[in-house]
Structures are given as C-alpha cells and as structure tokens.
Amino acid sequence: MQNPLFIALDFNHRGKRRQFLEHFSNETIDVKVGMELFYREGLKAIEELKEAQYNLFLDLKLHDIPNTVKRTMRVLAEMEIDMVNVHAAGGQAMMEAAIEGLEAGTRPGKERPKCIAVTQLTSTNEDMLKQQLHIDRPLKDVVCSYAQLAKTSGLDGVVCSAKEVPFIHEGCGREFLTVTPGIRRAEDDKADQMRIVSPAEARQLGSWGIVVGRSLTMASDPLHVYKEMHSEWKGVALT
C-alpha cells in the first residue's frame, strides 16, 4: 500500500455492502472494515473481501489485556489482512503483545499486517478531554505522547487527525505511518467529527493514508465522488 485512500465500508448488511462495491468494479481500491460490518458479518466478510483482492484495514480498535490482544491478533493475521489497529491507551505491554500476536499468526513468506494505534478519536476535542476523560493536558500533547509510546512499542504508526500529523512526524519521524480519518469534502456535513480536513489538506499536512466514509457511502454517485477525492488526495488532475 502506498498512500492509500481507504473507503470505510460502514454497512450493517451484506447486500448493501455488495451493492455499494459494484460502483467500483473497475477500480483498484483500499477498504476499511469497522465494527459495524465486522460484528454483523464476522470473518466471512474479511474472507470475501480478501478473495476479491482488496487491501484491507480492519478497524477494530482493540483495547484489552495483553494476552487477549495477542491471541486475537494471531487469529486476524491468519486472515492475511493488511492493517489493523489498537488503542494506544492500552499501554506499551498491550501494544507489544499485539505485534507478537501478528508475527505469530503471519504465514511464512507473508508480510506481517501493519499495526497502528488510535491516539484520540477525531470526535474528541479539548473540552471532552478535560471534562469527561479527566486528562488535564493539551490534546496535541496527549496525541504526540501516545504516538511516541506506540513507536516505542514497535507499532508501524497511528490513527490521528491530519492536523496532528506534523507534530507526530516531528516526534516520531516521517517514516512513522499516519492514517487520518475525519476526511470530508468542503460541502459535506461534518456530523460527529470534530477535527476534520479535506483530502488536499491531509496531503499537504503529510498524512500517509486517509479514511473516507460518509462522503462516499452516502453519495448519490459514489464512483464520481471517489474519483474527485482520490485525485485531490493524490494531487493530480481528475481525468
């Protein structure tokens, strides 16, 4: 994967997912499977998508005791997914266990799935951080601290807001992957996302990969919107 645009397949029904993907039958795309789809269809959805040769980011945000995360990651690695994530708030031992599980479950000759950590959800803002999570530090500092912990733990990168990418690169290096959700077109409703940017802004800020959901899944012409956003993300003219 090189600077992927992951399409978030946030569907709760197999038929809706398949109908949506028909729009992209002639495109090579990267997809993200989140909790909504995974809890509905389970590993069968993963098998089907991998058989169709999609690059697949499994977005389950694991956060549990180290041994449980390790054993779960071993199962997921056997599915030959391309990327998976955990919550950095789970701590160093948990993140190290995630890598151990992925390495144990990766078949000989195959590449270990990339593992990235969620720093703070893009629905989090400064007020929520202090008033609800009782973290009395600036959001930027918390995100950067979690990113550095993830790197120390052996992870490949983090999930973060594109606005935080420059700070993360400053502390963790430009090779450390930054995957940024909360991507919208200027005309789209931001809904429950707080820290959102356009594809062009994410590229300019240095994001490695972006995740696009409702801008595509709720579009009347998903393929056209995808081509627009993909061109903007890559910095090339729409053809």
Protein backbone atom coordinates (compact mmCIF):
# COMPACT_ATOMS: atom_id res chain seq x y z
CA MET A 1 0.00 0.00 0.00
CA GLN A 2 1.26 3.45 -0.90
CA ASN A 3 -0.66 6.49 0.35
CA PRO A 4 -3.99 4.64 0.42
CA LEU A 5 -7.45 6.14 0.42
CA PHE A 6 -9.43 3.65 2.48
CA ILE A 7 -13.16 3.54 1.83
CA ALA A 8 -14.95 2.87 5.12
CA LEU A 9 -17.48 0.12 4.47
CA ASP A 10 -19.81 1.18 7.27
CA PHE A 11 -22.74 -1.03 6.36
CA ASN A 12 -24.77 -3.35 8.56
CA HIS A 13 -26.00 -5.56 5.73
CA ARG A 14 -24.09 -7.70 3.25
CA GLY A 15 -26.38 -6.73 0.39
CA LYS A 16 -25.76 -3.02 0.92
CA ARG A 17 -22.01 -3.60 1.04
CA ARG A 18 -22.01 -5.61 -2.17
CA GLN A 19 -24.28 -3.12 -3.92
CA PHE A 20 -22.00 -0.25 -2.93
CA LEU A 21 -18.84 -2.04 -4.12
CA GLU A 22 -20.41 -2.67 -7.53
CA HIS A 23 -19.75 1.02 -8.24
CA PHE A 24 -16.02 0.25 -8.08
CA SER A 25 -15.90 -2.95 -10.11
CA ASN A 26 -13.34 -1.44 -12.49
CA GLU A 27 -11.30 0.34 -9.80
CA THR A 28 -8.46 -0.83 -7.57
CA ILE A 29 -9.47 0.40 -4.14
CA ASP A 30 -8.49 0.05 -0.49
CA VAL A 31 -11.22 -0.65 2.06
CA LYS A 32 -11.72 -0.36 5.78
CA VAL A 33 -13.92 -2.73 7.74
CA GLY A 34 -15.08 -1.33 11.07
CA MET A 35 -17.01 -2.69 13.99
CA GLU A 36 -20.46 -2.27 12.44
CA LEU A 37 -19.73 -4.53 9.49
CA PHE A 38 -17.46 -6.92 11.37
CA TYR A 39 -19.94 -7.56 14.17
CA ARG A 40 -22.65 -8.21 11.60
CA GLU A 41 -20.74 -10.49 9.23
CA GLY A 42 -17.62 -11.55 11.11
CA LEU A 43 -14.68 -13.22 9.45
CA LYS A 44 -16.80 -14.20 6.42
CA ALA A 45 -16.77 -10.58 5.28
CA ILE A 46 -12.98 -10.48 5.63
CA GLU A 47 -12.60 -13.67 3.62
CA GLU A 48 -14.86 -12.35 0.87
CA LEU A 49 -13.07 -9.01 0.60
CA LYS A 50 -9.63 -10.59 0.60
CA GLU A 51 -10.71 -13.06 -2.09
CA ALA A 52 -11.66 -10.00 -4.15
CA GLN A 53 -8.06 -8.81 -3.58
CA TYR A 54 -8.84 -5.58 -1.76
CA ASN A 55 -6.21 -4.08 0.51
CA LEU A 56 -7.99 -4.28 3.84
CA PHE A 57 -7.69 -2.22 7.01
CA LEU A 58 -9.53 -3.96 9.85
CA ASP A 59 -10.54 -1.17 12.22
CA LEU A 60 -11.48 -2.88 15.49
CA LYS A 61 -9.50 -0.63 17.86
CA LEU A 62 -8.53 -3.47 20.20
CA HIS A 63 -8.14 -2.47 23.83
CA ASP A 64 -7.85 -5.30 26.32
CA ILE A 65 -5.33 -7.11 28.49
CA PRO A 66 -2.12 -8.00 26.61
CA ASN A 67 -2.74 -11.75 26.38
CA THR A 68 -6.23 -11.33 24.92
CA VAL A 69 -4.96 -8.83 22.34
CA LYS A 70 -2.05 -11.09 21.43
CA ARG A 71 -4.27 -14.11 20.83
CA THR A 72 -6.79 -12.07 18.86
CA MET A 73 -4.09 -10.58 16.65
CA ARG A 74 -2.79 -14.05 15.86
CA VAL A 75 -6.23 -15.00 14.52
CA LEU A 76 -6.51 -11.82 12.49
CA ALA A 77 -3.04 -12.24 10.98
CA GLU A 78 -4.07 -15.66 9.71
CA MET A 79 -6.78 -13.87 7.69
CA GLU A 80 -3.99 -12.01 5.80
CA ILE A 81 -5.44 -8.58 6.46
CA ASP A 82 -3.19 -5.68 5.53
CA MET A 83 -3.59 -3.43 8.55
CA VAL A 84 -5.22 -3.50 11.97
CA ASN A 85 -5.31 -1.17 14.97
CA VAL A 86 -5.37 -0.92 18.75
CA HIS A 87 -5.94 1.87 21.25
CA ALA A 88 -2.66 3.40 22.40
CA ALA A 89 -4.34 3.97 25.77
CA GLY A 90 -4.00 0.21 26.31
CA GLY A 91 -0.34 0.79 27.11
CA GLN A 92 3.05 -0.50 25.99
CA ALA A 93 2.66 -4.11 27.13
CA MET A 94 -0.61 -4.44 25.21
CA MET A 95 0.83 -2.91 22.04
CA GLU A 96 3.91 -5.11 22.20
CA ALA A 97 1.63 -8.12 22.64
CA ALA A 98 -0.31 -7.06 19.54
CA ILE A 99 2.85 -7.18 17.45
CA GLU A 100 3.82 -10.56 18.93
CA GLY A 101 0.42 -11.95 18.01
CA LEU A 102 0.59 -10.62 14.46
CA GLU A 103 4.06 -12.06 13.95
CA ALA A 104 2.97 -15.44 15.31
CA GLY A 105 -0.07 -15.56 13.04
CA THR A 106 1.63 -14.42 9.84
CA ARG A 107 2.22 -17.29 7.45
CA PRO A 108 5.80 -17.98 6.28
CA GLY A 109 6.69 -15.84 3.30
CA LYS A 110 3.93 -13.33 4.00
CA GLU A 111 4.33 -9.79 5.30
CA ARG A 112 3.10 -9.07 8.81
CA PRO A 113 -0.01 -6.88 8.81
CA LYS A 114 0.73 -3.28 9.70
CA CYS A 115 -0.40 -2.31 13.18
CA ILE A 116 -1.30 1.25 14.09
CA ALA A 117 -2.61 2.81 17.28
CA VAL A 118 -5.53 5.17 17.86
CA THR A 119 -4.27 8.24 19.71
CA GLN A 120 -7.52 10.12 20.27
CA LEU A 121 -10.73 9.72 18.31
CA THR A 122 -11.48 12.52 15.84
CA SER A 123 -14.71 13.13 17.77
CA THR A 124 -12.61 14.20 20.80
CA ASN A 125 -11.98 17.86 21.50
CA GLU A 126 -10.19 19.76 24.27
CA ASP A 127 -13.31 20.12 26.41
CA MET A 128 -14.14 16.42 26.25
CA LEU A 129 -10.55 15.51 27.05
CA LYS A 130 -10.59 17.54 30.25
CA GLN A 131 -14.19 17.38 31.41
CA GLN A 132 -15.04 13.78 30.54
CA LEU A 133 -11.74 11.90 30.24
CA HIS A 134 -10.07 13.86 33.05
CA ILE A 135 -6.85 14.34 31.11
CA ASP A 136 -5.56 17.76 32.06
CA ARG A 137 -3.09 18.18 29.20
CA PRO A 138 -3.47 19.82 25.79
CA LEU A 139 -4.89 17.49 23.17
CA LYS A 140 -1.83 17.91 20.96
CA ASP A 141 0.49 16.82 23.77
CA VAL A 142 -1.62 13.76 24.55
CA VAL A 143 -1.70 12.69 20.90
CA CYS A 144 2.06 13.13 20.49
CA SER A 145 2.78 11.26 23.72
CA TYR A 146 0.60 8.33 22.64
CA ALA A 147 2.26 8.31 19.21
CA GLN A 148 5.72 8.12 20.74
CA LEU A 149 4.57 5.30 23.03
CA ALA A 150 3.23 3.41 20.01
CA LYS A 151 6.55 3.79 18.21
CA THR A 152 8.46 2.61 21.28
CA SER A 153 6.15 -0.41 21.41
CA GLY A 154 7.10 -1.40 17.85
CA LEU A 155 3.96 -0.29 16.03
CA ASP A 156 4.06 1.00 12.47
CA GLY A 157 2.10 4.19 13.01
CA VAL A 158 -1.01 5.81 14.43
CA VAL A 159 -4.53 6.88 13.62
CA CYS A 160 -4.80 10.61 14.18
CA SER A 161 -6.28 13.84 12.89
CA ALA A 162 -4.47 15.19 9.86
CA LYS A 163 -3.95 18.40 11.82
CA GLU A 164 -1.75 16.45 14.23
CA VAL A 165 0.43 14.80 11.57
CA PRO A 166 3.18 17.48 11.52
CA PHE A 167 3.66 17.20 15.29
CA ILE A 168 3.75 13.40 15.14
CA HIS A 169 6.31 13.43 12.33
CA GLU A 170 8.40 15.86 14.34
CA GLY A 171 8.49 13.48 17.30
CA CYS A 172 8.40 10.10 15.56
CA GLY A 173 9.89 10.69 12.10
CA ARG A 174 8.31 10.84 8.68
CA GLU A 175 8.53 7.06 8.18
CA PHE A 176 6.05 6.56 11.04
CA LEU A 177 2.67 5.99 9.40
CA THR A 178 -0.14 8.47 9.94
CA VAL A 179 -3.63 7.33 8.96
CA THR A 180 -6.20 10.09 9.16
CA PRO A 181 -9.98 9.68 9.33
CA GLY A 182 -12.35 12.62 9.52
CA ILE A 183 -11.90 13.38 5.81
CA ARG A 184 -14.67 15.38 4.19
CA ARG A 185 -15.26 17.50 1.13
CA ALA A 186 -15.83 21.18 1.89
CA GLU A 187 -19.53 20.87 1.11
CA ASP A 188 -20.14 17.81 3.31
CA ASP A 189 -21.76 17.78 6.75
CA LYS A 190 -19.09 17.14 9.40
CA ALA A 191 -21.64 15.22 11.57
CA ASP A 192 -20.00 13.99 14.82
CA GLN A 193 -16.43 14.59 13.67
CA MET A 194 -14.63 17.49 15.34
CA ARG A 195 -11.18 17.55 13.74
CA ILE A 196 -11.86 17.18 10.01
CA VAL A 197 -9.97 18.18 6.86
CA SER A 198 -10.27 17.77 3.08
CA PRO A 199 -8.15 15.26 1.11
CA ALA A 200 -5.95 18.08 -0.18
CA GLU A 201 -5.36 19.40 3.33
CA ALA A 202 -4.46 15.91 4.55
CA ARG A 203 -1.92 15.57 1.74
CA GLN A 204 -0.41 18.97 2.48
CA LEU A 205 -0.15 18.14 6.18
CA GLY A 206 1.76 14.94 5.36
CA SER A 207 -0.76 12.16 6.06
CA TRP A 208 0.34 8.73 4.83
CA GLY A 209 -3.20 7.44 4.34
CA ILE A 210 -6.75 8.73 4.68
CA VAL A 211 -10.10 7.16 5.52
CA VAL A 212 -13.29 8.36 3.81
CA GLY A 213 -16.69 7.18 4.94
CA ARG A 214 -19.94 9.08 4.67
CA SER A 215 -18.77 11.35 1.85
CA LEU A 216 -18.74 8.20 -0.30
CA THR A 217 -21.21 5.81 1.30
CA MET A 218 -23.98 8.43 1.32
CA ALA A 219 -23.21 9.87 -2.12
CA SER A 220 -25.70 9.50 -4.96
CA ASP A 221 -22.78 8.79 -7.31
CA PRO A 222 -20.07 7.17 -5.16
CA LEU A 223 -17.67 6.49 -8.03
CA HIS A 224 -17.66 10.12 -9.20
CA VAL A 225 -17.10 11.41 -5.68
CA TYR A 226 -14.37 8.82 -5.13
CA LYS A 227 -12.54 9.93 -8.28
CA GLU A 228 -12.79 13.56 -7.18
CA MET A 229 -11.48 12.85 -3.70
CA HIS A 230 -8.81 10.42 -4.91
CA SER A 231 -7.49 12.97 -7.40
CA GLU A 232 -7.45 15.65 -4.71
CA TRP A 233 -5.65 13.27 -2.33
CA LYS A 234 -3.02 12.35 -4.90
CA GLY A 235 -2.62 15.93 -6.10
CA VAL A 236 -3.37 15.12 -9.71
CA ALA A 237 -5.96 16.39 -12.18
CA LEU A 238 -9.24 14.50 -12.41
CA THR A 239 -9.36 12.51 -15.64
